[in-house]
């Protein structure tokens, strides 16, 4: 008997597993921080018992992923005050907050310091907005040369490239619209990680699933992609963060 609900939960040897049925060919298991939440995308043809057995066969991998999240460095909630650490292109910067009466701005002073100029009385959320507006503009400026480099190599054209905050993905794409979304948090990560995600999503415009053809394309186009993926996943997790 198969559960027909769009989403439901299974308890498999003490692990809560969220199951979502989709019109896909292959079952996919994901483990997400910060608590190691397990989510399964299952083909419609698989019944509950088949899903359960598939998850059991991956329990060792699931527990290893959860253990990695437990060990991984995490940042506390940022308050955007002088002395805090913030990241840009994989480098750690110390924040220096100064007050002035003009428009709030952010700039890098050198390879170790970033300066946030804020109005007197600006609260935490306002200061955060200034930093993330700067992150967005910096990330946006990196994208045209990446597209120019990779569109002819991958053999696709990206008609629309957008940036937004996402809670569970570093990137996503709409194959029909040839639209790629990138997570704003990538501004904090090394440039190699940004390039990996751009290529990853562009390859999805040719191959929807994470199957052998997808991996073969990635191996041919970006042989070091697994190293970049691991580097991305080893980077310090923000107050709320995720894996790819």
C-alpha atoms as a PDB file:
ATOM      1  CA  UNK A   1       0.000   0.000   0.000  1.00  0.00           C
ATOM      2  CA  UNK A   2       1.326   3.443  -0.925  1.00  0.00           C
ATOM      3  CA  UNK A   3       0.777   6.647   1.003  1.00  0.00           C
ATOM      4  CA  UNK A   4      -0.781   9.124  -1.418  1.00  0.00           C
ATOM      5  CA  UNK A   5      -0.185  12.246   0.644  1.00  0.00           C
ATOM      6  CA  UNK A   6       2.001  14.852  -0.975  1.00  0.00           C
ATOM      7  CA  UNK A   7       4.283  14.701   2.047  1.00  0.00           C
ATOM      8  CA  UNK A   8       4.487  12.392   5.047  1.00  0.00           C
ATOM      9  CA  UNK A   9       6.969  11.193   7.644  1.00  0.00           C
ATOM     10  CA  UNK A  10       8.470   7.804   8.403  1.00  0.00           C
ATOM     11  CA  UNK A  11      10.373   6.757  11.519  1.00  0.00           C
ATOM     12  CA  UNK A  12      13.209   4.535  10.392  1.00  0.00           C
ATOM     13  CA  UNK A  13      15.330   3.124  13.203  1.00  0.00           C
ATOM     14  CA  UNK A  14      14.928   6.272  15.274  1.00  0.00           C
ATOM     15  CA  UNK A  15      15.465   8.714  12.402  1.00  0.00           C
ATOM     16  CA  UNK A  16      12.567  10.925  11.297  1.00  0.00           C
ATOM     17  CA  UNK A  17      12.393  10.934   7.507  1.00  0.00           C
ATOM     18  CA  UNK A  18      10.290  13.402   5.523  1.00  0.00           C
ATOM     19  CA  UNK A  19       9.062  11.799   2.293  1.00  0.00           C
ATOM     20  CA  UNK A  20       7.746  13.721  -0.697  1.00  0.00           C
ATOM     21  CA  UNK A  21       6.457  11.880  -3.767  1.00  0.00           C
ATOM     22  CA  UNK A  22       7.285  13.362  -7.155  1.00  0.00           C
ATOM     23  CA  UNK A  23       7.048  12.462 -10.813  1.00  0.00           C
ATOM     24  CA  UNK A  24      10.736  11.517 -11.011  1.00  0.00           C
ATOM     25  CA  UNK A  25      12.662   8.425 -12.052  1.00  0.00           C
ATOM     26  CA  UNK A  26      15.068   7.982  -9.154  1.00  0.00           C
ATOM     27  CA  UNK A  27      14.840   8.269  -5.379  1.00  0.00           C
ATOM     28  CA  UNK A  28      16.919  11.034  -3.807  1.00  0.00           C
ATOM     29  CA  UNK A  29      17.957  11.286  -0.146  1.00  0.00           C
ATOM     30  CA  UNK A  30      19.126  14.585   1.327  1.00  0.00           C
ATOM     31  CA  UNK A  31      20.447  15.442   4.794  1.00  0.00           C
ATOM     32  CA  UNK A  32      20.182  19.097   5.808  1.00  0.00           C
ATOM     33  CA  UNK A  33      21.645  21.216   8.623  1.00  0.00           C
ATOM     34  CA  UNK A  34      21.613  22.393  11.230  1.00  0.00           C
ATOM     35  CA  UNK A  35      20.026  19.332  12.879  1.00  0.00           C
ATOM     36  CA  UNK A  36      20.570  16.712  10.149  1.00  0.00           C
ATOM     37  CA  UNK A  37      16.982  16.714   8.888  1.00  0.00           C
ATOM     38  CA  UNK A  38      16.420  13.867   6.400  1.00  0.00           C
ATOM     39  CA  UNK A  39      14.267  14.401   3.322  1.00  0.00           C
ATOM     40  CA  UNK A  40      13.475  11.869   0.600  1.00  0.00           C
ATOM     41  CA  UNK A  41      12.120  12.645  -2.845  1.00  0.00           C
ATOM     42  CA  UNK A  42      10.553   9.381  -4.011  1.00  0.00           C
ATOM     43  CA  UNK A  43       9.166   8.358  -7.424  1.00  0.00           C
ATOM     44  CA  UNK A  44       5.414   7.860  -7.521  1.00  0.00           C
ATOM     45  CA  UNK A  45       5.880   4.211  -8.505  1.00  0.00           C
ATOM     46  CA  UNK A  46       7.588   3.258  -5.222  1.00  0.00           C
ATOM     47  CA  UNK A  47       5.397   2.115  -2.346  1.00  0.00           C
ATOM     48  CA  UNK A  48       6.123   2.931   1.299  1.00  0.00           C
ATOM     49  CA  UNK A  49       8.004  -0.304   1.946  1.00  0.00           C
ATOM     50  CA  UNK A  50      10.291   0.263  -1.038  1.00  0.00           C
ATOM     51  CA  UNK A  51      11.037   3.771   0.237  1.00  0.00           C
ATOM     52  CA  UNK A  52      11.739   2.402   3.716  1.00  0.00           C
ATOM     53  CA  UNK A  53      14.175  -0.215   2.373  1.00  0.00           C
ATOM     54  CA  UNK A  54      15.923   2.386   0.218  1.00  0.00           C
ATOM     55  CA  UNK A  55      16.453   4.628   3.253  1.00  0.00           C
ATOM     56  CA  UNK A  56      17.660   1.709   5.396  1.00  0.00           C
ATOM     57  CA  UNK A  57      20.274   0.907   2.743  1.00  0.00           C
ATOM     58  CA  UNK A  58      21.580   4.487   3.114  1.00  0.00           C
ATOM     59  CA  UNK A  59      21.481   4.716   6.921  1.00  0.00           C
ATOM     60  CA  UNK A  60      25.258   4.580   7.239  1.00  0.00           C
ATOM     61  CA  UNK A  61      25.669   7.536   4.873  1.00  0.00           C
ATOM     62  CA  UNK A  62      22.834   9.464   6.576  1.00  0.00           C
ATOM     63  CA  UNK A  63      24.406   9.063  10.017  1.00  0.00           C
ATOM     64  CA  UNK A  64      27.822  10.125   8.704  1.00  0.00           C
ATOM     65  CA  UNK A  65      26.283  13.287   7.230  1.00  0.00           C
ATOM     66  CA  UNK A  66      24.492  14.071  10.492  1.00  0.00           C
ATOM     67  CA  UNK A  67      27.724  13.550  12.432  1.00  0.00           C
ATOM     68  CA  UNK A  68      29.548  15.968  10.108  1.00  0.00           C
ATOM     69  CA  UNK A  69      26.951  18.650  10.791  1.00  0.00           C
ATOM     70  CA  UNK A  70      27.431  18.150  14.525  1.00  0.00           C
ATOM     71  CA  UNK A  71      31.181  18.695  14.168  1.00  0.00           C
ATOM     72  CA  UNK A  72      31.032  21.585  11.722  1.00  0.00           C
ATOM     73  CA  UNK A  73      31.955  25.102  12.811  1.00  0.00           C
ATOM     74  CA  UNK A  74      28.960  27.411  13.195  1.00  0.00           C
ATOM     75  CA  UNK A  75      28.617  31.123  13.580  1.00  0.00           C
ATOM     76  CA  UNK A  76      26.384  32.560  16.241  1.00  0.00           C
ATOM     77  CA  UNK A  77      23.667  34.994  15.207  1.00  0.00           C
ATOM     78  CA  UNK A  78      25.350  38.112  13.840  1.00  0.00           C
ATOM     79  CA  UNK A  79      24.564  41.430  15.536  1.00  0.00           C
ATOM     80  CA  UNK A  80      26.507  43.648  13.068  1.00  0.00           C
ATOM     81  CA  UNK A  81      28.658  45.378  15.651  1.00  0.00           C
ATOM     82  CA  UNK A  82      32.355  46.217  15.670  1.00  0.00           C
ATOM     83  CA  UNK A  83      34.581  43.196  16.177  1.00  0.00           C
ATOM     84  CA  UNK A  84      32.354  40.568  14.574  1.00  0.00           C
ATOM     85  CA  UNK A  85      33.632  38.233  11.865  1.00  0.00           C
ATOM     86  CA  UNK A  86      31.997  38.252   8.433  1.00  0.00           C
ATOM     87  CA  UNK A  87      32.967  36.440   5.254  1.00  0.00           C
ATOM     88  CA  UNK A  88      33.404  37.534   1.643  1.00  0.00           C
ATOM     89  CA  UNK A  89      34.745  35.309  -1.162  1.00  0.00           C
ATOM     90  CA  UNK A  90      35.840  32.779   1.429  1.00  0.00           C
ATOM     91  CA  UNK A  91      37.958  35.258   3.383  1.00  0.00           C
ATOM     92  CA  UNK A  92      37.245  36.244   6.974  1.00  0.00           C
ATOM     93  CA  UNK A  93      36.900  39.955   7.721  1.00  0.00           C
ATOM     94  CA  UNK A  94      36.601  41.824  10.983  1.00  0.00           C
ATOM     95  CA  UNK A  95      33.724  44.320  10.972  1.00  0.00           C
ATOM     96  CA  UNK A  96      34.258  47.932  11.986  1.00  0.00           C
ATOM     97  CA  UNK A  97      31.056  49.954  12.456  1.00  0.00           C
ATOM     98  CA  UNK A  98      31.235  53.762  12.297  1.00  0.00           C
ATOM     99  CA  UNK A  99      28.392  56.260  12.522  1.00  0.00           C
ATOM    100  CA  UNK A 100      27.679  59.157  10.168  1.00  0.00           C
ATOM    101  CA  UNK A 101      24.633  61.092   9.010  1.00  0.00           C
ATOM    102  CA  UNK A 102      24.797  60.127   5.331  1.00  0.00           C
ATOM    103  CA  UNK A 103      23.661  57.094   3.377  1.00  0.00           C
ATOM    104  CA  UNK A 104      24.737  53.796   4.957  1.00  0.00           C
ATOM    105  CA  UNK A 105      27.579  52.116   3.056  1.00  0.00           C
ATOM    106  CA  UNK A 106      29.915  49.181   3.294  1.00  0.00           C
ATOM    107  CA  UNK A 107      33.449  48.820   1.957  1.00  0.00           C
ATOM    108  CA  UNK A 108      36.549  46.686   2.386  1.00  0.00           C
ATOM    109  CA  UNK A 109      39.377  48.554   4.083  1.00  0.00           C
ATOM    110  CA  UNK A 110      41.996  45.865   3.392  1.00  0.00           C
ATOM    111  CA  UNK A 111      42.290  42.058   3.346  1.00  0.00           C
ATOM    112  CA  UNK A 112      41.208  41.805   6.987  1.00  0.00           C
ATOM    113  CA  UNK A 113      38.730  44.602   7.704  1.00  0.00           C
ATOM    114  CA  UNK A 114      35.354  45.715   6.335  1.00  0.00           C
ATOM    115  CA  UNK A 115      33.782  49.005   7.348  1.00  0.00           C
ATOM    116  CA  UNK A 116      30.046  49.520   7.800  1.00  0.00           C
ATOM    117  CA  UNK A 117      29.085  53.186   7.940  1.00  0.00           C
ATOM    118  CA  UNK A 118      25.630  53.481   9.539  1.00  0.00           C
ATOM    119  CA  UNK A 119      23.395  56.283  10.705  1.00  0.00           C
ATOM    120  CA  UNK A 120      23.220  56.910  14.462  1.00  0.00           C
ATOM    121  CA  UNK A 121      20.450  54.763  15.878  1.00  0.00           C
ATOM    122  CA  UNK A 122      20.340  52.250  12.998  1.00  0.00           C
ATOM    123  CA  UNK A 123      19.297  48.897  14.437  1.00  0.00           C
ATOM    124  CA  UNK A 124      20.645  45.429  13.745  1.00  0.00           C
ATOM    125  CA  UNK A 125      18.223  44.677  10.903  1.00  0.00           C
ATOM    126  CA  UNK A 126      19.055  47.923   9.105  1.00  0.00           C
ATOM    127  CA  UNK A 127      22.780  47.198   9.346  1.00  0.00           C
ATOM    128  CA  UNK A 128      22.219  43.654   8.108  1.00  0.00           C
ATOM    129  CA  UNK A 129      20.303  45.003   5.102  1.00  0.00           C
ATOM    130  CA  UNK A 130      23.244  47.252   4.183  1.00  0.00           C
ATOM    131  CA  UNK A 131      25.672  44.324   4.268  1.00  0.00           C
ATOM    132  CA  UNK A 132      23.430  42.068   2.225  1.00  0.00           C
ATOM    133  CA  UNK A 133      22.752  44.763  -0.350  1.00  0.00           C
ATOM    134  CA  UNK A 134      26.519  45.014  -0.763  1.00  0.00           C
ATOM    135  CA  UNK A 135      26.799  41.214  -0.979  1.00  0.00           C
ATOM    136  CA  UNK A 136      24.157  41.200  -3.728  1.00  0.00           C
ATOM    137  CA  UNK A 137      25.926  43.830  -5.820  1.00  0.00           C
ATOM    138  CA  UNK A 138      29.282  42.075  -5.424  1.00  0.00           C
ATOM    139  CA  UNK A 139      27.823  38.698  -6.375  1.00  0.00           C
ATOM    140  CA  UNK A 140      25.985  40.183  -9.338  1.00  0.00           C
ATOM    141  CA  UNK A 141      29.210  41.681 -10.690  1.00  0.00           C
ATOM    142  CA  UNK A 142      30.875  38.239 -10.759  1.00  0.00           C
ATOM    143  CA  UNK A 143      28.214  36.605 -12.918  1.00  0.00           C
ATOM    144  CA  UNK A 144      28.619  38.035 -16.472  1.00  0.00           C
ATOM    145  CA  UNK A 145      32.175  36.689 -16.955  1.00  0.00           C
ATOM    146  CA  UNK A 146      31.145  33.305 -15.565  1.00  0.00           C
ATOM    147  CA  UNK A 147      28.263  33.063 -18.025  1.00  0.00           C
ATOM    148  CA  UNK A 148      30.476  34.181 -20.902  1.00  0.00           C
ATOM    149  CA  UNK A 149      32.998  31.487 -19.964  1.00  0.00           C
ATOM    150  CA  UNK A 150      30.615  28.592 -19.376  1.00  0.00           C
ATOM    151  CA  UNK A 151      27.675  28.990 -21.774  1.00  0.00           C
ATOM    152  CA  UNK A 152      29.714  27.863 -24.822  1.00  0.00           C
ATOM    153  CA  UNK A 153      31.403  25.092 -22.821  1.00  0.00           C
ATOM    154  CA  UNK A 154      28.166  23.656 -21.429  1.00  0.00           C
ATOM    155  CA  UNK A 155      26.283  24.299 -24.665  1.00  0.00           C
ATOM    156  CA  UNK A 156      23.349  26.142 -23.110  1.00  0.00           C
ATOM    157  CA  UNK A 157      22.134  29.713 -22.849  1.00  0.00           C
ATOM    158  CA  UNK A 158      20.904  31.089 -19.533  1.00  0.00           C
ATOM    159  CA  UNK A 159      18.065  33.469 -20.325  1.00  0.00           C
ATOM    160  CA  UNK A 160      17.605  34.695 -16.762  1.00  0.00           C
ATOM    161  CA  UNK A 161      20.013  34.631 -13.817  1.00  0.00           C
ATOM    162  CA  UNK A 162      18.674  35.759 -10.437  1.00  0.00           C
ATOM    163  CA  UNK A 163      19.870  35.984  -6.844  1.00  0.00           C
ATOM    164  CA  UNK A 164      17.850  35.346  -3.712  1.00  0.00           C
ATOM    165  CA  UNK A 165      18.173  33.994  -0.196  1.00  0.00           C
ATOM    166  CA  UNK A 166      17.355  30.287  -0.086  1.00  0.00           C
ATOM    167  CA  UNK A 167      17.119  28.081   2.987  1.00  0.00           C
ATOM    168  CA  UNK A 168      17.907  24.628   1.574  1.00  0.00           C
ATOM    169  CA  UNK A 169      19.782  25.110  -1.711  1.00  0.00           C
ATOM    170  CA  UNK A 170      22.852  26.854  -3.048  1.00  0.00           C
ATOM    171  CA  UNK A 171      21.199  27.095  -6.451  1.00  0.00           C
ATOM    172  CA  UNK A 172      18.238  25.967  -8.508  1.00  0.00           C
ATOM    173  CA  UNK A 173      17.022  26.210 -12.081  1.00  0.00           C
ATOM    174  CA  UNK A 174      13.902  26.243 -14.216  1.00  0.00           C
ATOM    175  CA  UNK A 175      14.724  24.188 -17.291  1.00  0.00           C
ATOM    176  CA  UNK A 176      11.790  25.363 -19.393  1.00  0.00           C
ATOM    177  CA  UNK A 177      12.483  29.065 -18.741  1.00  0.00           C
ATOM    178  CA  UNK A 178      16.285  28.584 -18.794  1.00  0.00           C
ATOM    179  CA  UNK A 179      16.346  30.473 -15.505  1.00  0.00           C
ATOM    180  CA  UNK A 180      18.993  29.961 -12.828  1.00  0.00           C
ATOM    181  CA  UNK A 181      18.676  31.081  -9.206  1.00  0.00           C
ATOM    182  CA  UNK A 182      21.742  31.526  -7.001  1.00  0.00           C
ATOM    183  CA  UNK A 183      21.765  31.738  -3.232  1.00  0.00           C
ATOM    184  CA  UNK A 184      22.859  35.142  -1.957  1.00  0.00           C
ATOM    185  CA  UNK A 185      24.989  33.360   0.661  1.00  0.00           C
ATOM    186  CA  UNK A 186      27.401  32.389  -2.137  1.00  0.00           C
ATOM    187  CA  UNK A 187      28.847  35.908  -1.864  1.00  0.00           C
ATOM    188  CA  UNK A 188      30.494  34.698   1.349  1.00  0.00           C
ATOM    189  CA  UNK A 189      32.036  31.604  -0.205  1.00  0.00           C
ATOM    190  CA  UNK A 190      35.207  31.142  -2.288  1.00  0.00           C
ATOM    191  CA  UNK A 191      34.897  32.101  -5.956  1.00  0.00           C
ATOM    192  CA  UNK A 192      35.598  28.485  -6.927  1.00  0.00           C
ATOM    193  CA  UNK A 193      32.444  27.458  -5.040  1.00  0.00           C
ATOM    194  CA  UNK A 194      30.352  30.058  -6.870  1.00  0.00           C
ATOM    195  CA  UNK A 195      31.707  28.808 -10.190  1.00  0.00           C
ATOM    196  CA  UNK A 196      30.885  25.218  -9.240  1.00  0.00           C
ATOM    197  CA  UNK A 197      27.264  26.109  -8.459  1.00  0.00           C
ATOM    198  CA  UNK A 198      26.895  28.097 -11.680  1.00  0.00           C
ATOM    199  CA  UNK A 199      28.202  25.169 -13.728  1.00  0.00           C
ATOM    200  CA  UNK A 200      26.104  22.686 -11.720  1.00  0.00           C
ATOM    201  CA  UNK A 201      22.882  24.548 -12.484  1.00  0.00           C
ATOM    202  CA  UNK A 202      23.803  25.106 -16.137  1.00  0.00           C
ATOM    203  CA  UNK A 203      24.435  21.375 -16.549  1.00  0.00           C
ATOM    204  CA  UNK A 204      20.952  20.792 -15.127  1.00  0.00           C
ATOM    205  CA  UNK A 205      19.621  22.655 -18.175  1.00  0.00           C
ATOM    206  CA  UNK A 206      20.919  19.673 -20.143  1.00  0.00           C
ATOM    207  CA  UNK A 207      20.244  16.914 -17.615  1.00  0.00           C
ATOM    208  CA  UNK A 208      17.542  17.291 -14.979  1.00  0.00           C
ATOM    209  CA  UNK A 209      18.562  14.471 -12.601  1.00  0.00           C
ATOM    210  CA  UNK A 210      21.742  13.819 -10.613  1.00  0.00           C
ATOM    211  CA  UNK A 211      22.349  10.668 -12.617  1.00  0.00           C
ATOM    212  CA  UNK A 212      25.389   9.142 -14.337  1.00  0.00           C
ATOM    213  CA  UNK A 213      25.012  11.410 -17.377  1.00  0.00           C
ATOM    214  CA  UNK A 214      24.935  14.483 -15.143  1.00  0.00           C
ATOM    215  CA  UNK A 215      28.067  13.377 -13.297  1.00  0.00           C
ATOM    216  CA  UNK A 216      29.839  12.549 -16.564  1.00  0.00           C
ATOM    217  CA  UNK A 217      29.100  16.051 -17.869  1.00  0.00           C
ATOM    218  CA  UNK A 218      30.394  17.595 -14.657  1.00  0.00           C
ATOM    219  CA  UNK A 219      33.526  15.423 -14.805  1.00  0.00           C
ATOM    220  CA  UNK A 220      34.253  16.542 -18.357  1.00  0.00           C
ATOM    221  CA  UNK A 221      33.508  20.233 -17.847  1.00  0.00           C
ATOM    222  CA  UNK A 222      34.810  20.788 -14.313  1.00  0.00           C
ATOM    223  CA  UNK A 223      36.962  17.801 -13.233  1.00  0.00           C
ATOM    224  CA  UNK A 224      37.568  19.317  -9.780  1.00  0.00           C
ATOM    225  CA  UNK A 225      33.857  19.791  -9.028  1.00  0.00           C
ATOM    226  CA  UNK A 226      33.819  17.331  -6.132  1.00  0.00           C
ATOM    227  CA  UNK A 227      36.677  19.194  -4.469  1.00  0.00           C
ATOM    228  CA  UNK A 228      34.793  22.500  -4.848  1.00  0.00           C
ATOM    229  CA  UNK A 229      31.609  20.884  -3.519  1.00  0.00           C
ATOM    230  CA  UNK A 230      33.465  19.598  -0.460  1.00  0.00           C
ATOM    231  CA  UNK A 231      35.088  22.997   0.070  1.00  0.00           C
ATOM    232  CA  UNK A 232      31.680  24.627  -0.031  1.00  0.00           C
ATOM    233  CA  UNK A 233      30.310  22.177   2.490  1.00  0.00           C
ATOM    234  CA  UNK A 234      33.298  22.606   4.808  1.00  0.00           C
ATOM    235  CA  UNK A 235      32.972  26.398   4.945  1.00  0.00           C
ATOM    236  CA  UNK A 236      31.663  27.771   8.274  1.00  0.00           C
ATOM    237  CA  UNK A 237      27.919  27.491   8.518  1.00  0.00           C
ATOM    238  CA  UNK A 238      25.965  30.681   9.072  1.00  0.00           C
ATOM    239  CA  UNK A 239      23.395  30.964  11.855  1.00  0.00           C
ATOM    240  CA  UNK A 240      21.037  29.102   9.477  1.00  0.00           C
ATOM    241  CA  UNK A 241      22.733  27.239   6.631  1.00  0.00           C
ATOM    242  CA  UNK A 242      22.619  24.158   4.392  1.00  0.00           C
ATOM    243  CA  UNK A 243      24.491  21.743   2.148  1.00  0.00           C
ATOM    244  CA  UNK A 244      24.479  21.007  -1.564  1.00  0.00           C
END
